[in-house]
Each structure stands twice: as structure tokens, then as C-alpha cells.
Amino acid sequence: FPNQINNCLGFPGIFRGALDVRASVINEEMKLAAAHALADLIPPAELRADRIITEVMDKRVVPAVAAAVAEAARKTGVARKG
């Protein structure tokens, strides 16, 4: 399936973001932030039935997801470090 979401798209960035801010938990807001960060990597002009997410090896994935997760942790009060 070309649009299958592989764990390696989400988990490295989720854990990096959570670890960077020493999050006490990984909450729903952080998971949603990760999903939105992944979705935002595909420009609307490139969306097709067979391309709704980026490739697994896209080097932008981990930094984008990590930043979004860390920000969500800060906003929801579960970050224990800046």
C-alpha cells in the first residue's frame, strides 16, 4: 500500500521531541502534533490518492515531528525542560 504509515515515520520524532523536553508523558496533543507535522510535509499541490504522506527516508521527518511534539509538550504542561 503506497500510503501505509510506517512506525519509522512517527516514532523517532515523537521520542526525540519527548526526550528533548523531558516530557513526563506522551499525551494525545503530542500525538496529534506529530500527525499534523507529518501531514504538513506534503505540499497541497503534491497531494494525490497515492501520496498523502512523505517517504520513510525523508530527512525532514524527524526534525519536523520532534519540534512539533516538543512544542505540544510545552503547551500542555508535560515538558520538564525548556
N, C-alpha and C. Protein backbone atom coordinates (compact mmCIF):
# COMPACT_ATOMS: atom_id res chain seq x y z
N PHE A 1 0.84 -1.18 0.00
CA PHE A 1 0.00 0.00 0.00
C PHE A 1 0.88 1.24 0.00
N PRO A 2 0.77 2.09 -0.98
CA PRO A 2 1.65 3.25 -1.07
C PRO A 2 1.46 4.26 0.07
N ASN A 3 0.28 4.32 0.67
CA ASN A 3 0.03 5.29 1.73
C ASN A 3 0.14 4.69 3.13
N GLN A 4 0.65 3.49 3.22
CA GLN A 4 0.75 2.84 4.53
C GLN A 4 1.68 3.66 5.42
N ILE A 5 1.24 3.92 6.61
CA ILE A 5 2.07 4.69 7.54
C ILE A 5 2.92 3.72 8.34
N ASN A 6 4.21 3.88 8.21
CA ASN A 6 5.16 3.02 8.88
C ASN A 6 5.54 3.65 10.22
N ASN A 7 5.77 2.81 11.21
CA ASN A 7 6.16 3.31 12.53
C ASN A 7 7.39 4.20 12.48
N CYS A 8 8.29 3.93 11.54
CA CYS A 8 9.52 4.73 11.49
C CYS A 8 9.26 6.16 11.03
N LEU A 9 8.08 6.48 10.54
CA LEU A 9 7.75 7.87 10.24
C LEU A 9 7.45 8.66 11.51
N GLY A 10 6.81 8.05 12.46
CA GLY A 10 6.38 8.78 13.65
C GLY A 10 7.26 8.63 14.86
N PHE A 11 7.61 7.40 15.19
CA PHE A 11 8.25 7.16 16.48
C PHE A 11 9.58 7.86 16.70
N PRO A 12 10.52 7.89 15.75
CA PRO A 12 11.79 8.59 16.05
C PRO A 12 11.58 10.06 16.44
N GLY A 13 10.74 10.76 15.71
CA GLY A 13 10.49 12.17 16.03
C GLY A 13 9.69 12.36 17.30
N ILE A 14 8.73 11.47 17.53
CA ILE A 14 7.94 11.55 18.78
C ILE A 14 8.85 11.38 19.98
N PHE A 15 9.69 10.35 19.94
CA PHE A 15 10.59 10.13 21.08
C PHE A 15 11.64 11.23 21.20
N ARG A 16 12.20 11.71 20.07
CA ARG A 16 13.19 12.79 20.12
C ARG A 16 12.58 14.03 20.75
N GLY A 17 11.40 14.40 20.33
CA GLY A 17 10.73 15.58 20.89
C GLY A 17 10.42 15.42 22.36
N ALA A 18 9.93 14.24 22.74
CA ALA A 18 9.60 13.98 24.14
C ALA A 18 10.86 13.99 25.00
N LEU A 19 11.92 13.37 24.51
CA LEU A 19 13.17 13.33 25.28
C LEU A 19 13.82 14.71 25.39
N ASP A 20 13.75 15.49 24.31
CA ASP A 20 14.38 16.82 24.33
C ASP A 20 13.81 17.72 25.41
N VAL A 21 12.53 17.58 25.71
CA VAL A 21 11.90 18.41 26.74
C VAL A 21 11.64 17.63 28.03
N ARG A 22 12.14 16.41 28.08
CA ARG A 22 11.95 15.53 29.25
C ARG A 22 10.47 15.45 29.63
N ALA A 23 9.64 15.18 28.63
CA ALA A 23 8.19 15.09 28.86
C ALA A 23 7.89 13.98 29.86
N SER A 24 6.97 14.25 30.75
CA SER A 24 6.59 13.26 31.77
C SER A 24 5.69 12.18 31.20
N VAL A 25 4.99 12.50 30.12
CA VAL A 25 4.12 11.54 29.41
C VAL A 25 4.10 11.92 27.93
N ILE A 26 3.62 11.01 27.11
CA ILE A 26 3.31 11.33 25.72
C ILE A 26 1.79 11.35 25.64
N ASN A 27 1.24 12.55 25.50
CA ASN A 27 -0.21 12.71 25.55
C ASN A 27 -0.83 12.81 24.14
N GLU A 28 -2.13 12.88 24.10
CA GLU A 28 -2.84 12.94 22.81
C GLU A 28 -2.45 14.16 22.00
N GLU A 29 -2.26 15.29 22.67
CA GLU A 29 -1.88 16.51 21.95
C GLU A 29 -0.54 16.34 21.25
N MET A 30 0.38 15.64 21.89
CA MET A 30 1.69 15.39 21.29
C MET A 30 1.56 14.46 20.08
N LYS A 31 0.71 13.45 20.20
CA LYS A 31 0.50 12.53 19.07
C LYS A 31 -0.15 13.26 17.90
N LEU A 32 -1.12 14.11 18.20
CA LEU A 32 -1.77 14.88 17.13
C LEU A 32 -0.79 15.86 16.49
N ALA A 33 0.07 16.46 17.29
CA ALA A 33 1.08 17.37 16.74
C ALA A 33 2.01 16.62 15.79
N ALA A 34 2.37 15.39 16.14
CA ALA A 34 3.20 14.57 15.26
C ALA A 34 2.49 14.28 13.95
N ALA A 35 1.22 13.93 14.03
CA ALA A 35 0.44 13.64 12.82
C ALA A 35 0.33 14.87 11.92
N HIS A 36 0.09 16.02 12.52
CA HIS A 36 -0.02 17.25 11.73
C HIS A 36 1.33 17.62 11.10
N ALA A 37 2.41 17.41 11.84
CA ALA A 37 3.74 17.70 11.29
C ALA A 37 4.03 16.81 10.09
N LEU A 38 3.66 15.54 10.18
CA LEU A 38 3.83 14.62 9.04
C LEU A 38 2.99 15.08 7.85
N ALA A 39 1.75 15.41 8.11
CA ALA A 39 0.85 15.83 7.04
C ALA A 39 1.35 17.11 6.37
N ASP A 40 1.93 18.00 7.14
CA ASP A 40 2.38 19.29 6.61
C ASP A 40 3.61 19.17 5.71
N LEU A 41 4.27 18.01 5.71
CA LEU A 41 5.45 17.84 4.87
C LEU A 41 5.11 17.66 3.39
N ILE A 42 3.86 17.37 3.09
CA ILE A 42 3.44 17.24 1.69
C ILE A 42 2.69 18.52 1.30
N PRO A 43 3.24 19.29 0.37
CA PRO A 43 2.54 20.49 -0.08
C PRO A 43 1.20 20.11 -0.73
N PRO A 44 0.17 20.91 -0.53
CA PRO A 44 -1.15 20.60 -1.11
C PRO A 44 -1.11 20.30 -2.61
N ALA A 45 -0.24 20.97 -3.34
CA ALA A 45 -0.15 20.74 -4.78
C ALA A 45 0.36 19.34 -5.13
N GLU A 46 1.03 18.68 -4.18
CA GLU A 46 1.58 17.35 -4.42
C GLU A 46 0.69 16.23 -3.90
N LEU A 47 -0.41 16.57 -3.24
CA LEU A 47 -1.31 15.53 -2.72
C LEU A 47 -1.98 14.79 -3.86
N ARG A 48 -1.96 13.45 -3.76
CA ARG A 48 -2.63 12.58 -4.72
C ARG A 48 -3.18 11.39 -3.94
N ALA A 49 -3.99 10.61 -4.57
CA ALA A 49 -4.55 9.42 -3.92
C ALA A 49 -3.45 8.47 -3.46
N ASP A 50 -2.32 8.45 -4.17
CA ASP A 50 -1.23 7.55 -3.80
C ASP A 50 -0.08 8.28 -3.09
N ARG A 51 -0.30 9.52 -2.70
CA ARG A 51 0.75 10.28 -1.99
C ARG A 51 0.10 11.24 -0.99
N ILE A 52 -0.16 10.73 0.20
CA ILE A 52 -0.73 11.58 1.25
C ILE A 52 0.26 11.80 2.39
N ILE A 53 1.34 11.04 2.38
CA ILE A 53 2.41 11.22 3.36
C ILE A 53 3.74 11.15 2.64
N THR A 54 4.77 11.61 3.29
CA THR A 54 6.10 11.63 2.70
C THR A 54 6.74 10.24 2.76
N GLU A 55 7.85 10.09 2.08
CA GLU A 55 8.58 8.83 2.09
C GLU A 55 9.24 8.60 3.45
N VAL A 56 9.48 7.35 3.76
CA VAL A 56 10.07 6.97 5.04
C VAL A 56 11.45 7.60 5.23
N MET A 57 12.23 7.70 4.18
CA MET A 57 13.61 8.18 4.31
C MET A 57 13.74 9.71 4.15
N ASP A 58 12.66 10.43 4.13
CA ASP A 58 12.69 11.89 4.02
C ASP A 58 13.37 12.47 5.26
N LYS A 59 14.47 13.15 5.06
CA LYS A 59 15.27 13.67 6.18
C LYS A 59 14.58 14.79 6.95
N ARG A 60 13.49 15.30 6.45
CA ARG A 60 12.76 16.37 7.15
C ARG A 60 11.84 15.82 8.23
N VAL A 61 11.54 14.53 8.19
CA VAL A 61 10.52 13.95 9.07
C VAL A 61 10.87 14.08 10.54
N VAL A 62 12.01 13.55 10.95
CA VAL A 62 12.34 13.52 12.39
C VAL A 62 12.41 14.93 12.97
N PRO A 63 13.14 15.87 12.35
CA PRO A 63 13.18 17.22 12.94
C PRO A 63 11.81 17.89 13.02
N ALA A 64 10.99 17.73 11.99
CA ALA A 64 9.67 18.36 11.98
C ALA A 64 8.77 17.77 13.06
N VAL A 65 8.76 16.46 13.16
CA VAL A 65 7.92 15.80 14.16
C VAL A 65 8.43 16.11 15.57
N ALA A 66 9.74 16.05 15.77
CA ALA A 66 10.31 16.33 17.09
C ALA A 66 9.97 17.74 17.56
N ALA A 67 10.10 18.71 16.67
CA ALA A 67 9.79 20.10 17.05
C ALA A 67 8.32 20.25 17.42
N ALA A 68 7.45 19.64 16.65
CA ALA A 68 6.01 19.74 16.92
C ALA A 68 5.64 19.06 18.23
N VAL A 69 6.23 17.91 18.48
CA VAL A 69 5.96 17.17 19.72
C VAL A 69 6.47 17.94 20.93
N ALA A 70 7.67 18.48 20.83
CA ALA A 70 8.24 19.25 21.94
C ALA A 70 7.37 20.47 22.25
N GLU A 71 6.92 21.16 21.21
CA GLU A 71 6.06 22.33 21.41
C GLU A 71 4.74 21.94 22.06
N ALA A 72 4.16 20.83 21.62
CA ALA A 72 2.90 20.37 22.22
C ALA A 72 3.11 19.99 23.68
N ALA A 73 4.25 19.41 24.00
CA ALA A 73 4.54 19.06 25.40
C ALA A 73 4.63 20.32 26.25
N ARG A 74 5.29 21.35 25.72
CA ARG A 74 5.38 22.62 26.45
C ARG A 74 4.00 23.23 26.67
N LYS A 75 3.20 23.27 25.60
CA LYS A 75 1.87 23.89 25.68
C LYS A 75 0.94 23.16 26.63
N THR A 76 1.12 21.86 26.77
CA THR A 76 0.21 21.08 27.63
C THR A 76 0.78 20.87 29.03
N GLY A 77 1.94 21.44 29.30
CA GLY A 77 2.49 21.39 30.65
C GLY A 77 3.16 20.10 31.06
N VAL A 78 3.50 19.24 30.10
CA VAL A 78 4.17 17.99 30.48
C VAL A 78 5.67 18.04 30.25
N ALA A 79 6.17 19.16 29.69
CA ALA A 79 7.61 19.32 29.49
C ALA A 79 8.25 19.68 30.83
N ARG A 80 9.35 19.01 31.14
CA ARG A 80 10.06 19.32 32.38
C ARG A 80 11.36 20.07 32.11
N LYS A 81 11.58 20.41 30.83
CA LYS A 81 12.78 21.15 30.44
C LYS A 81 12.40 22.02 29.25
N GLY A 82 12.87 23.27 29.25
CA GLY A 82 12.61 24.27 28.22
C GLY A 82 12.33 23.75 26.90
